[in-house]
Amino acid sequence: MWFRNLLVYRLTQDLPFDAQALETALAAKPARPCASQELTTYGFIAPFGKGEDAPLVHVSQDFMLIAARKEDRILPGSVVRDAVKEKVDEIEAEQMRKVYKKERDQIKDEIIQAFLPRAFIRRSSTFAAIAPKQGLILVNAASPKKAEDLLSTLREAIGSLPVRPLSVKVAPTATMTDWVKTQTAAPGFHVLDECELRDTQEDGGIVRCKRQDLTSEEIQLHLSAGKFVTQLSLAWEDKLSFVLDDKTIIKRLRFEDLLTDQAEQDGGDEALGQLDASFTLMMLTFTEFLPQLFEALGGEEIPQGI
């Protein structure tokens, strides 16, 4: 169980998390299949294991892991548009009259309802780790919308969830640009070989570099011309690498063999043991890594009144 992306949320109030109470709360909002006329459903699933007995909250040391599943009926817009056009053309030809927007919308709704039971089903899962002692919720997602789906459903389940996206005092673009320009990152961090540069103008140019020497004269010229770094690949110590963007979203996390081998050794032969060991080691790594990252980015910003 290794997260591949990371959105970090700060609990703004002390909120006691009891595993059993959380288990009961999540059970009230279980994942379920879409009914014949439903476009989407959302609910909680067991992060590890299957079946009714699999717990919805996995606890390891001081950390909790939860997971949610979204189920969508996929109805291609082009299919609906073609069906609507065909129906409208038929009415206009047979009744010799124009079909206007209100009637067209009604036809569209009827066609969607008729097509829904035959639509394909798409399922996606989102995992989140709760670290009560650190006051953090970590969501394995690169999309704030996907993270908010989980957090809002969790909020409905437990009644209250005072969280906000964790922010830093210095704009990440300023810090990342300085690291590339000076060719020196904060202690413990190393600039790798990938970045995105954007012009300061809203409609300015974008340069994306992969497998590029970021100390090269070419990159320095872009920076001298006024471009700033909006994404940057970094390594932290010898434990993980990632891409950081201008919204403090951590993407494409990769845990080095040092950690994955240790988790495999700690987990034993059972699949559940392997998953538990990797989750625990991941979270212990995050408790070291995240404070250092946010300190390197100027420190965490605490809004007034919190």
Foldseek 3Di string as FASTA:
>chain_A
DAFFWKFKKFFPDQDDDDQVLLQVLQVVFADDEDDQQDFKHKGWDQPDDDDPPRTQWDDDDQKIKHKMKMKGFDDDPVVLVVVLVVVQVVCCVVVVDHDDDVNSVVSSVVVSSVCRNVTDMDMDMKMWMDRSVVRMIMIRDQDPVVVVVVVVSSCVSVVHGRIDGWDADAQPQVQVQVCLLVVHADPQKHFDWWWKKFAPDPPTDIDTTDNHDSNDPVNNVSVVVHIITAKTWMDGHQFWIFIAGRVRITHRIDGDPVLLVVLVVQQPDDPVSSVSSSVVSNVVVCVVPVQVVSVSRHHIDDDPPD
